[in-house]
Amino acid sequence: MPVDISTLSEEERKIRIWRRDSKKGAVKQRTVEFKDYFKGDEYSKFWKM
């Protein structure tokens, strides 16, 4: 059941808002690694020299 923040004391209100906002920012950062299978020897015939 949601709590009416206006009925809480100032200190309790700050704590609840801080807890709520800290959960939103807790998104984990993922790093994506791409593997490179490019072989330049196979495509060197298309390069102009």
Protein backbone atom coordinates (compact mmCIF):
# COMPACT_ATOMS: atom_id res chain seq x y z
CA MET A 1 0.00 0.00 0.00
CA PRO A 2 1.54 3.37 -0.95
CA VAL A 3 2.36 5.83 1.79
CA ASP A 4 1.18 9.44 1.60
CA ILE A 5 4.46 11.33 1.82
CA SER A 6 2.73 14.53 2.95
CA THR A 7 1.75 12.87 6.25
CA LEU A 8 5.33 11.94 7.14
CA SER A 9 7.79 14.03 9.08
CA GLU A 10 10.46 15.95 7.16
CA GLU A 11 13.18 13.48 8.16
CA GLU A 12 11.13 10.41 7.18
CA ARG A 13 10.16 12.06 3.91
CA LYS A 14 13.81 12.69 2.99
CA ILE A 15 14.75 9.10 3.85
CA ARG A 16 11.94 7.62 1.74
CA ILE A 17 12.69 9.88 -1.23
CA TRP A 18 16.40 9.05 -0.99
CA ARG A 19 15.67 5.30 -0.90
CA ARG A 20 13.29 5.55 -3.85
CA ASP A 21 15.74 7.57 -5.97
CA SER A 22 18.72 5.40 -5.08
CA LYS A 23 16.92 2.34 -6.44
CA LYS A 24 16.31 4.06 -9.77
CA GLY A 25 20.01 4.81 -10.23
CA ALA A 26 21.06 1.25 -9.47
CA VAL A 27 21.10 0.19 -13.12
CA LYS A 28 24.11 -1.98 -13.79
CA GLN A 29 26.37 -0.91 -16.60
CA ARG A 30 27.16 -3.68 -19.06
CA THR A 31 30.07 -3.70 -21.41
CA VAL A 32 29.58 -5.39 -24.74
CA GLU A 33 32.58 -7.01 -26.33
CA PHE A 34 32.64 -7.50 -30.06
CA LYS A 35 34.87 -10.08 -31.64
CA ASP A 36 36.58 -9.11 -34.84
CA TYR A 37 36.75 -11.79 -37.52
CA PHE A 38 37.84 -9.42 -40.28
CA LYS A 39 40.69 -10.74 -42.42
CA GLY A 40 42.25 -8.03 -44.52
CA ASP A 41 43.94 -10.50 -46.86
CA GLU A 42 40.58 -11.63 -48.22
CA TYR A 43 39.54 -8.08 -49.14
CA SER A 44 42.87 -6.63 -50.27
CA LYS A 45 41.89 -7.24 -53.92
CA PHE A 46 39.24 -4.51 -53.60
CA TRP A 47 41.68 -1.81 -52.41
CA LYS A 48 43.15 0.63 -54.92
CA MET A 49 46.85 1.18 -54.81
